[in-house]
Amino acid sequence: VNFGFVFTEIFQGFNQYRNTNVLYLSITPNGFEFFFNYKWINIKYVHQLQNLYFALTNEELKLI
């Protein structure tokens, strides 16, 4: 939420969030899962999310 993601729905039992670029993120017991290219990518640490976001959008993930 601090990075601009907003709650959208509960998907497969987990809270799902999206941001203005329509990138989806779910919070699971194993960390985060990021939806890209029709599959979920497991992310354990925030810096992994920041790096992946930058690689996909060429923009920094801004802390709000």
C-alpha atoms as a PDB file:
ATOM      1  CA  VAL A   1       0.000   0.000   0.000  1.00  0.00           C
ATOM      2  CA  ASN A   2       2.877   2.389   0.759  1.00  0.00           C
ATOM      3  CA  PHE A   3       4.085   1.934  -2.824  1.00  0.00           C
ATOM      4  CA  GLY A   4       0.801   2.992  -4.422  1.00  0.00           C
ATOM      5  CA  PHE A   5      -0.901  -0.382  -4.706  1.00  0.00           C
ATOM      6  CA  VAL A   6      -4.613  -0.408  -3.795  1.00  0.00           C
ATOM      7  CA  PHE A   7      -6.757  -3.323  -2.682  1.00  0.00           C
ATOM      8  CA  THR A   8      -8.899  -4.710  -5.515  1.00  0.00           C
ATOM      9  CA  GLU A   9     -10.265  -8.082  -4.432  1.00  0.00           C
ATOM     10  CA  ILE A  10      -9.621 -11.368  -2.704  1.00  0.00           C
ATOM     11  CA  PHE A  11      -8.171 -13.778  -5.289  1.00  0.00           C
ATOM     12  CA  GLN A  12      -7.718 -17.466  -4.454  1.00  0.00           C
ATOM     13  CA  GLY A  13      -7.994 -16.611  -0.756  1.00  0.00           C
ATOM     14  CA  PHE A  14      -5.365 -13.845  -0.787  1.00  0.00           C
ATOM     15  CA  ASN A  15      -5.686 -10.065  -0.866  1.00  0.00           C
ATOM     16  CA  GLN A  16      -4.868  -8.742  -4.303  1.00  0.00           C
ATOM     17  CA  TYR A  17      -3.627  -5.213  -5.010  1.00  0.00           C
ATOM     18  CA  ARG A  18      -2.950  -3.266  -8.191  1.00  0.00           C
ATOM     19  CA  ASN A  19      -1.301   0.022  -9.029  1.00  0.00           C
ATOM     20  CA  THR A  20      -1.921   2.636 -11.716  1.00  0.00           C
ATOM     21  CA  ASN A  21       0.102   0.609 -14.248  1.00  0.00           C
ATOM     22  CA  VAL A  22      -2.341  -2.281 -13.681  1.00  0.00           C
ATOM     23  CA  LEU A  23       0.341  -4.484 -12.205  1.00  0.00           C
ATOM     24  CA  TYR A  24      -1.037  -7.012  -9.723  1.00  0.00           C
ATOM     25  CA  LEU A  25       0.436  -8.081  -6.401  1.00  0.00           C
ATOM     26  CA  SER A  26      -0.890 -10.628  -3.905  1.00  0.00           C
ATOM     27  CA  ILE A  27       0.203 -11.109  -0.312  1.00  0.00           C
ATOM     28  CA  THR A  28       0.617 -14.796   0.576  1.00  0.00           C
ATOM     29  CA  PRO A  29       2.041 -16.680   3.565  1.00  0.00           C
ATOM     30  CA  ASN A  30       5.299 -17.068   1.575  1.00  0.00           C
ATOM     31  CA  GLY A  31       5.712 -13.336   0.887  1.00  0.00           C
ATOM     32  CA  PHE A  32       4.412 -11.578  -2.194  1.00  0.00           C
ATOM     33  CA  GLU A  33       3.387 -12.823  -5.608  1.00  0.00           C
ATOM     34  CA  PHE A  34       3.568 -10.552  -8.617  1.00  0.00           C
ATOM     35  CA  PHE A  35       1.408 -11.312 -11.666  1.00  0.00           C
ATOM     36  CA  PHE A  36       3.274 -10.974 -14.960  1.00  0.00           C
ATOM     37  CA  ASN A  37       3.044 -12.700 -18.336  1.00  0.00           C
ATOM     38  CA  TYR A  38       0.087 -14.837 -17.207  1.00  0.00           C
ATOM     39  CA  LYS A  39       1.914 -16.312 -14.228  1.00  0.00           C
ATOM     40  CA  TRP A  40       2.611 -15.452 -10.590  1.00  0.00           C
ATOM     41  CA  ILE A  41       6.212 -14.689  -9.610  1.00  0.00           C
ATOM     42  CA  ASN A  42       7.128 -15.335  -5.956  1.00  0.00           C
ATOM     43  CA  ILE A  43       8.854 -12.390  -4.234  1.00  0.00           C
ATOM     44  CA  LYS A  44      10.177 -12.630  -0.681  1.00  0.00           C
ATOM     45  CA  TYR A  45      11.744  -9.207  -0.174  1.00  0.00           C
ATOM     46  CA  VAL A  46      10.716  -5.639  -0.943  1.00  0.00           C
ATOM     47  CA  HIS A  47      13.924  -4.943  -2.881  1.00  0.00           C
ATOM     48  CA  GLN A  48      13.007  -7.788  -5.258  1.00  0.00           C
ATOM     49  CA  LEU A  49       9.660  -6.092  -5.898  1.00  0.00           C
ATOM     50  CA  GLN A  50      11.394  -2.759  -6.469  1.00  0.00           C
ATOM     51  CA  ASN A  51      13.877  -4.304  -8.916  1.00  0.00           C
ATOM     52  CA  LEU A  52      11.192  -6.195 -10.818  1.00  0.00           C
ATOM     53  CA  TYR A  53       8.955  -3.139 -11.011  1.00  0.00           C
ATOM     54  CA  PHE A  54      11.803  -1.045 -12.400  1.00  0.00           C
ATOM     55  CA  ALA A  55      12.694  -3.725 -14.961  1.00  0.00           C
ATOM     56  CA  LEU A  56       9.088  -3.884 -16.199  1.00  0.00           C
ATOM     57  CA  THR A  57       8.180  -0.179 -16.171  1.00  0.00           C
ATOM     58  CA  ASN A  58      11.512   1.670 -16.283  1.00  0.00           C
ATOM     59  CA  GLU A  59      10.213   3.708 -13.316  1.00  0.00           C
ATOM     60  CA  GLU A  60      11.159   3.639  -9.644  1.00  0.00           C
ATOM     61  CA  LEU A  61       8.578   2.265  -7.236  1.00  0.00           C
ATOM     62  CA  LYS A  62       7.837   5.352  -5.154  1.00  0.00           C
ATOM     63  CA  LEU A  63       7.136   5.221  -1.441  1.00  0.00           C
ATOM     64  CA  ILE A  64       4.048   7.300  -0.726  1.00  0.00           C
END
